[in-house]
Amino acid sequence: MASAYSQFTHRQVYLQQSDPEIRIHYVEAKPSDGNEKGTILLIHGFPETSYQFRHVLGPLSSAGYRTIAPDYRGAGYSSRPVTGYSKKVLATDLHGLLTKHLNITSPVHIVGHDIGGMIAHAYATLFPSDTASLTWGECPLPGTTIYDEWKHTPALWHFNFHNVPDLPELLVSGHEKQYLKHFYDRLGQNPAAFTEEDLEFYTTLFEAPGAMRAGFNLYRTFEEDKVDNQRWLKEKGKVKVRAMVLGGEGSLEALKSMDMAKRVNEDVVQGVVEGAGHWIAEEQPEVFTRKVLAFIEGRD
């Protein structure tokens, strides 16, 4: 385990012990002085894990926040059940982790990136009274116009590929490192963000039995997510939790994200991580941290 990640507290809990086993691994960092301003939940994307936040866990906790970064169902060190990859289910998993197992009773600041952004949107929609603020981005949210316009484009070719039953698992098996590196290289602006140690760490996790299948299943539920998001918008209206859509200055979605966010968030501002592409917490962790803290503390 890479040193920047192993320094934090690692735990796992069983949300469900059988049929299927739902075991969630999480990483936690607390303020050293014991004085907590609140809790921040960091939700990673694909193809990543909680390791994505290795550079920001320390600074966010040093700023006074209990900071928790789980591996959601199917990712990292968490269990890999065959089903349950809609963002509604994943958000419910994480809500259960916080409220039932970590006994967090106050609203938390939700920060989601990539598919984690989709989960963050579901979390704020389903549990608004338990959400203090919402930071999300770097994802075309299923159910929005940008998702329908982009999902079959060459830029997002992997959306179609990951949806094909069984074939992606077959073709990627034995080539996980090359496959992951394609996305890290192609979507980033700062190539130095991913060291060889980082790549080897991610590769080890995604080489595990069922890991790539679980990752592909995140995409195979997008149309289910689309139905959920559109239904929630119709029944509940826009998310009323204070929100920021956060993305990289050089991201593919930089020009479209605010328009998308306004369609589902009632009160939303835009944050830009300068010098970053898609991998904002790894390419520019200091800027990422500064933007997140400024927003949740009302200094944006």
Protein backbone atom coordinates (compact mmCIF):
# COMPACT_ATOMS: atom_id res chain seq x y z
CA MET A 1 0.00 0.00 0.00
CA ALA A 2 1.43 3.36 -1.05
CA SER A 3 2.80 5.42 1.85
CA ALA A 4 0.69 8.52 1.12
CA TYR A 5 -2.40 6.37 1.66
CA SER A 6 -1.34 3.96 4.40
CA GLN A 7 -0.78 6.73 6.96
CA PHE A 8 -4.53 7.17 7.44
CA THR A 9 -6.93 5.00 9.44
CA HIS A 10 -8.33 2.08 7.43
CA ARG A 11 -11.42 0.16 8.54
CA GLN A 12 -14.16 -1.95 7.02
CA VAL A 13 -17.76 -2.62 8.05
CA TYR A 14 -20.36 -5.15 6.99
CA LEU A 15 -23.52 -3.49 5.77
CA GLN A 16 -24.82 -6.99 5.07
CA GLN A 17 -23.10 -10.24 6.00
CA SER A 18 -24.58 -12.59 3.39
CA ASP A 19 -26.80 -12.99 0.30
CA PRO A 20 -24.79 -11.06 -0.81
CA GLU A 21 -22.01 -9.89 1.49
CA ILE A 22 -21.77 -6.09 1.41
CA ARG A 23 -18.48 -5.09 3.01
CA ILE A 24 -17.30 -1.49 2.73
CA HIS A 25 -13.70 -0.42 3.25
CA TYR A 26 -13.10 3.21 4.14
CA VAL A 27 -10.22 5.54 4.94
CA GLU A 28 -10.57 8.20 7.61
CA ALA A 29 -8.59 11.24 8.71
CA LYS A 30 -9.53 13.37 11.71
CA PRO A 31 -8.29 16.77 12.94
CA SER A 32 -5.27 16.23 15.19
CA ASP A 33 -6.62 18.61 17.85
CA GLY A 34 -9.97 16.79 18.09
CA ASN A 35 -11.98 19.87 17.14
CA GLU A 36 -14.23 18.99 14.21
CA LYS A 37 -16.02 21.61 12.12
CA GLY A 38 -17.97 18.90 10.32
CA THR A 39 -17.63 15.79 8.19
CA ILE A 40 -16.61 15.50 4.54
CA LEU A 41 -17.48 12.38 2.53
CA LEU A 42 -15.25 11.87 -0.52
CA ILE A 43 -16.68 9.60 -3.23
CA HIS A 44 -14.26 8.35 -5.88
CA GLY A 45 -14.84 7.57 -9.56
CA PHE A 46 -13.78 4.90 -12.05
CA PRO A 47 -11.24 3.48 -12.65
CA GLU A 48 -10.17 4.56 -9.19
CA THR A 49 -10.75 3.90 -5.48
CA SER A 50 -10.50 5.88 -2.25
CA TYR A 51 -6.78 6.04 -3.07
CA GLN A 52 -7.78 8.86 -5.43
CA PHE A 53 -7.97 11.17 -2.41
CA ARG A 54 -4.58 10.26 -0.86
CA HIS A 55 -3.23 13.80 -1.34
CA VAL A 56 -6.25 15.66 0.07
CA LEU A 57 -7.32 13.59 3.07
CA GLY A 58 -4.59 15.14 5.23
CA PRO A 59 -5.15 18.78 4.24
CA LEU A 60 -8.94 18.51 4.61
CA SER A 61 -8.62 16.98 8.08
CA SER A 62 -5.98 19.57 9.03
CA ALA A 63 -8.52 22.24 8.10
CA GLY A 64 -10.79 20.85 10.85
CA TYR A 65 -12.93 18.25 9.10
CA ARG A 66 -13.43 14.59 9.81
CA THR A 67 -12.78 13.27 6.31
CA ILE A 68 -14.00 9.86 5.14
CA ALA A 69 -13.20 8.25 1.79
CA PRO A 70 -14.88 4.87 1.22
CA ASP A 71 -14.36 2.33 -1.52
CA TYR A 72 -17.95 1.99 -2.67
CA ARG A 73 -19.47 -1.41 -3.41
CA GLY A 74 -17.34 -3.32 -5.92
CA ALA A 75 -14.28 -1.07 -5.69
CA GLY A 76 -10.91 -1.22 -3.97
CA TYR A 77 -10.91 -3.35 -0.84
CA SER A 78 -14.72 -3.51 -0.60
CA SER A 79 -16.67 -6.64 -1.54
CA ARG A 80 -17.74 -7.20 -5.15
CA PRO A 81 -21.31 -8.49 -5.31
CA VAL A 82 -22.78 -9.25 -8.74
CA THR A 83 -25.66 -6.77 -8.42
CA GLY A 84 -26.47 -3.42 -6.83
CA TYR A 85 -24.59 -0.87 -8.94
CA SER A 86 -27.29 1.71 -9.53
CA LYS A 87 -26.27 5.03 -8.02
CA LYS A 88 -29.35 4.91 -5.81
CA VAL A 89 -28.11 1.68 -4.19
CA LEU A 90 -24.52 2.94 -3.90
CA ALA A 91 -25.68 6.18 -2.25
CA THR A 92 -27.82 4.19 0.17
CA ASP A 93 -24.81 2.01 1.03
CA LEU A 94 -22.74 5.08 1.91
CA HIS A 95 -25.55 6.69 3.87
CA GLY A 96 -25.83 3.50 5.90
CA LEU A 97 -22.07 3.48 6.48
CA LEU A 98 -22.17 7.00 7.91
CA THR A 99 -25.39 6.93 9.90
CA LYS A 100 -25.66 3.33 11.11
CA HIS A 101 -22.03 2.31 11.52
CA LEU A 102 -20.08 5.52 12.09
CA ASN A 103 -22.97 7.10 14.04
CA ILE A 104 -22.71 10.44 12.24
CA THR A 105 -25.89 12.36 13.02
CA SER A 106 -25.08 15.81 11.61
CA PRO A 107 -25.39 16.67 7.90
CA VAL A 108 -22.19 15.95 5.95
CA HIS A 109 -20.45 17.68 3.07
CA ILE A 110 -20.61 15.36 0.05
CA VAL A 111 -17.81 15.54 -2.54
CA GLY A 112 -18.12 13.24 -5.55
CA HIS A 113 -15.95 12.91 -8.64
CA ASP A 114 -16.75 11.15 -11.93
CA ILE A 115 -19.13 8.26 -11.12
CA GLY A 116 -18.74 9.40 -7.54
CA GLY A 117 -20.43 12.61 -8.70
CA MET A 118 -23.42 10.58 -9.87
CA ILE A 119 -23.53 8.87 -6.47
CA ALA A 120 -23.22 12.24 -4.72
CA HIS A 121 -26.21 13.57 -6.69
CA ALA A 122 -28.25 10.53 -5.66
CA TYR A 123 -27.17 10.97 -2.03
CA ALA A 124 -28.24 14.62 -1.88
CA THR A 125 -31.51 13.78 -3.62
CA LEU A 126 -32.41 10.87 -1.35
CA PHE A 127 -31.02 12.26 1.91
CA PRO A 128 -31.20 16.08 1.72
CA SER A 129 -31.59 16.56 5.46
CA ASP A 130 -28.34 14.65 5.99
CA THR A 131 -26.43 16.66 3.38
CA ALA A 132 -24.76 19.93 4.38
CA SER A 133 -23.44 20.72 0.90
CA LEU A 134 -22.90 18.99 -2.42
CA THR A 135 -19.77 19.18 -4.56
CA TRP A 136 -19.86 17.06 -7.69
CA GLY A 137 -18.71 16.99 -11.28
CA GLU A 138 -16.63 15.44 -14.05
CA CYS A 139 -19.55 13.27 -15.12
CA PRO A 140 -22.38 13.52 -17.66
CA LEU A 141 -25.29 12.83 -15.30
CA PRO A 142 -27.71 10.20 -16.67
CA GLY A 143 -31.08 11.80 -17.26
CA THR A 144 -29.68 15.11 -18.45
CA THR A 145 -29.35 16.41 -21.99
CA ILE A 146 -25.55 16.30 -21.90
CA TYR A 147 -25.66 12.59 -21.07
CA ASP A 148 -27.94 11.82 -24.01
CA GLU A 149 -25.85 13.95 -26.35
CA TRP A 150 -22.50 12.50 -25.28
CA LYS A 151 -23.07 8.85 -24.38
CA HIS A 152 -22.49 7.50 -27.89
CA THR A 153 -19.73 9.91 -28.96
CA PRO A 154 -16.10 8.91 -29.64
CA ALA A 155 -14.99 10.92 -26.60
CA LEU A 156 -16.99 8.55 -24.37
CA TRP A 157 -16.46 5.37 -26.39
CA HIS A 158 -16.05 3.37 -23.21
CA PHE A 159 -19.69 3.98 -22.21
CA ASN A 160 -20.75 1.67 -25.03
CA PHE A 161 -17.88 -0.78 -24.54
CA HIS A 162 -18.51 -1.24 -20.82
CA ASN A 163 -22.19 -1.92 -21.49
CA VAL A 164 -21.51 -4.99 -23.62
CA PRO A 165 -22.10 -8.13 -21.53
CA ASP A 166 -18.99 -10.18 -20.69
CA LEU A 167 -16.81 -9.04 -23.60
CA PRO A 168 -15.02 -6.18 -21.76
CA GLU A 169 -14.06 -8.55 -18.95
CA LEU A 170 -12.64 -11.00 -21.48
CA LEU A 171 -10.65 -8.45 -23.48
CA VAL A 172 -9.27 -6.46 -20.54
CA SER A 173 -8.25 -9.49 -18.47
CA GLY A 174 -4.47 -9.63 -18.30
CA HIS A 175 -4.21 -6.08 -19.66
CA GLU A 176 -5.58 -4.14 -16.70
CA LYS A 177 -2.52 -1.92 -16.32
CA GLN A 178 -2.56 -0.81 -19.96
CA TYR A 179 -6.31 -0.25 -19.84
CA LEU A 180 -6.22 1.91 -16.73
CA LYS A 181 -3.24 3.89 -17.99
CA HIS A 182 -5.13 4.75 -21.18
CA PHE A 183 -7.66 6.75 -19.14
CA TYR A 184 -5.14 8.33 -16.79
CA ASP A 185 -3.02 9.52 -19.75
CA ARG A 186 -5.82 10.56 -22.08
CA LEU A 187 -8.01 12.50 -19.67
CA GLY A 188 -5.36 14.30 -17.62
CA GLN A 189 -3.45 17.54 -18.09
CA ASN A 190 -0.71 16.74 -15.59
CA PRO A 191 1.00 13.44 -16.54
CA ALA A 192 3.17 13.55 -13.43
CA ALA A 193 0.09 13.08 -11.25
CA PHE A 194 0.26 9.29 -11.63
CA THR A 195 3.57 7.75 -10.63
CA GLU A 196 4.55 4.19 -11.44
CA GLU A 197 3.78 3.34 -7.80
CA ASP A 198 0.26 4.76 -8.22
CA LEU A 199 -0.31 2.81 -11.42
CA GLU A 200 0.90 -0.43 -9.83
CA PHE A 201 -1.35 0.12 -6.81
CA TYR A 202 -4.46 0.70 -8.93
CA THR A 203 -3.54 -2.23 -11.17
CA THR A 204 -3.24 -4.61 -8.22
CA LEU A 205 -6.74 -3.68 -7.05
CA PHE A 206 -8.36 -3.94 -10.48
CA GLU A 207 -6.65 -7.27 -11.22
CA ALA A 208 -8.52 -8.83 -8.30
CA PRO A 209 -11.29 -11.32 -9.20
CA GLY A 210 -14.50 -9.48 -10.06
CA ALA A 211 -13.00 -5.99 -9.83
CA MET A 212 -13.29 -5.04 -13.50
CA ARG A 213 -16.72 -6.66 -13.74
CA ALA A 214 -17.89 -4.52 -10.82
CA GLY A 215 -16.44 -1.44 -12.51
CA PHE A 216 -18.20 -2.19 -15.79
CA ASN A 217 -21.46 -2.76 -13.92
CA LEU A 218 -21.36 0.88 -12.85
CA TYR A 219 -21.88 1.73 -16.53
CA ARG A 220 -24.41 -1.03 -17.17
CA THR A 221 -26.79 0.67 -14.74
CA PHE A 222 -26.64 4.13 -16.34
CA GLU A 223 -30.02 3.74 -18.04
CA GLU A 224 -31.54 2.70 -14.73
CA ASP A 225 -29.90 5.77 -13.18
CA LYS A 226 -31.40 7.89 -15.96
CA VAL A 227 -34.89 6.72 -15.06
CA ASP A 228 -34.27 7.38 -11.36
CA ASN A 229 -32.85 10.87 -11.92
CA GLN A 230 -35.68 11.93 -14.22
CA ARG A 231 -38.30 10.56 -11.84
CA TRP A 232 -36.73 12.33 -8.86
CA LEU A 233 -36.61 15.61 -10.77
CA LYS A 234 -40.28 15.27 -11.64
CA GLU A 235 -41.39 14.24 -8.15
CA LYS A 236 -39.01 16.21 -5.92
CA GLY A 237 -37.87 19.06 -8.14
CA LYS A 238 -34.27 20.22 -8.31
CA VAL A 239 -31.85 19.38 -5.50
CA LYS A 240 -32.14 22.19 -2.97
CA VAL A 241 -28.90 21.51 -1.10
CA ARG A 242 -26.28 24.20 -1.78
CA ALA A 243 -24.12 22.82 -4.58
CA MET A 244 -20.92 23.36 -6.54
CA VAL A 245 -20.10 21.65 -9.81
CA LEU A 246 -16.33 21.17 -9.72
CA GLY A 247 -14.19 20.24 -12.70
CA GLY A 248 -10.82 20.59 -14.28
CA GLU A 249 -9.85 23.57 -16.40
CA GLY A 250 -8.79 21.20 -19.19
CA SER A 251 -11.61 18.70 -18.82
CA LEU A 252 -13.71 17.49 -21.74
CA GLU A 253 -16.79 18.67 -19.86
CA ALA A 254 -15.54 22.09 -18.81
CA LEU A 255 -17.88 24.03 -21.11
CA LYS A 256 -20.99 21.96 -20.45
CA SER A 257 -20.95 21.18 -16.73
CA MET A 258 -22.63 24.33 -15.40
CA ASP A 259 -25.53 24.09 -17.81
CA MET A 260 -26.03 20.47 -16.77
CA ALA A 261 -25.83 21.32 -13.07
CA LYS A 262 -28.41 24.10 -13.35
CA ARG A 263 -30.91 21.59 -14.69
CA VAL A 264 -30.78 19.49 -11.50
CA ASN A 265 -29.55 21.88 -8.77
CA GLU A 266 -31.56 24.83 -7.48
CA ASP A 267 -28.60 26.66 -5.91
CA VAL A 268 -25.32 25.92 -7.71
CA VAL A 269 -22.02 27.63 -8.42
CA GLN A 270 -19.15 26.52 -10.63
CA GLY A 271 -15.66 25.70 -9.41
CA VAL A 272 -12.68 25.23 -11.70
CA VAL A 273 -9.47 23.42 -10.75
CA GLU A 274 -6.82 25.27 -12.73
CA GLY A 275 -4.09 23.18 -14.32
CA ALA A 276 -6.09 19.96 -14.12
CA GLY A 277 -7.88 17.74 -16.58
CA HIS A 278 -10.28 15.07 -15.36
CA TRP A 279 -8.33 13.80 -12.34
CA ILE A 280 -8.68 16.96 -10.27
CA ALA A 281 -7.79 15.62 -6.78
CA GLU A 282 -4.63 13.96 -8.09
CA GLU A 283 -3.47 16.44 -10.70
CA GLN A 284 -3.86 19.55 -8.54
CA PRO A 285 -4.58 18.48 -4.94
CA GLU A 286 -3.78 21.87 -3.39
CA VAL A 287 -6.17 23.68 -5.72
CA PHE A 288 -8.81 20.99 -5.23
CA THR A 289 -8.56 21.32 -1.46
CA ARG A 290 -8.73 25.09 -1.58
CA LYS A 291 -11.80 25.09 -3.82
CA VAL A 292 -13.66 22.52 -1.71
CA LEU A 293 -12.94 24.28 1.58
CA ALA A 294 -13.84 27.71 0.20
CA PHE A 295 -17.19 26.39 -0.96
CA ILE A 296 -18.23 24.43 2.11
CA GLU A 297 -17.17 27.33 4.35
CA GLY A 298 -19.06 29.87 2.24
CA ARG A 299 -15.94 31.65 0.99
CA ASP A 300 -16.47 30.85 -2.70
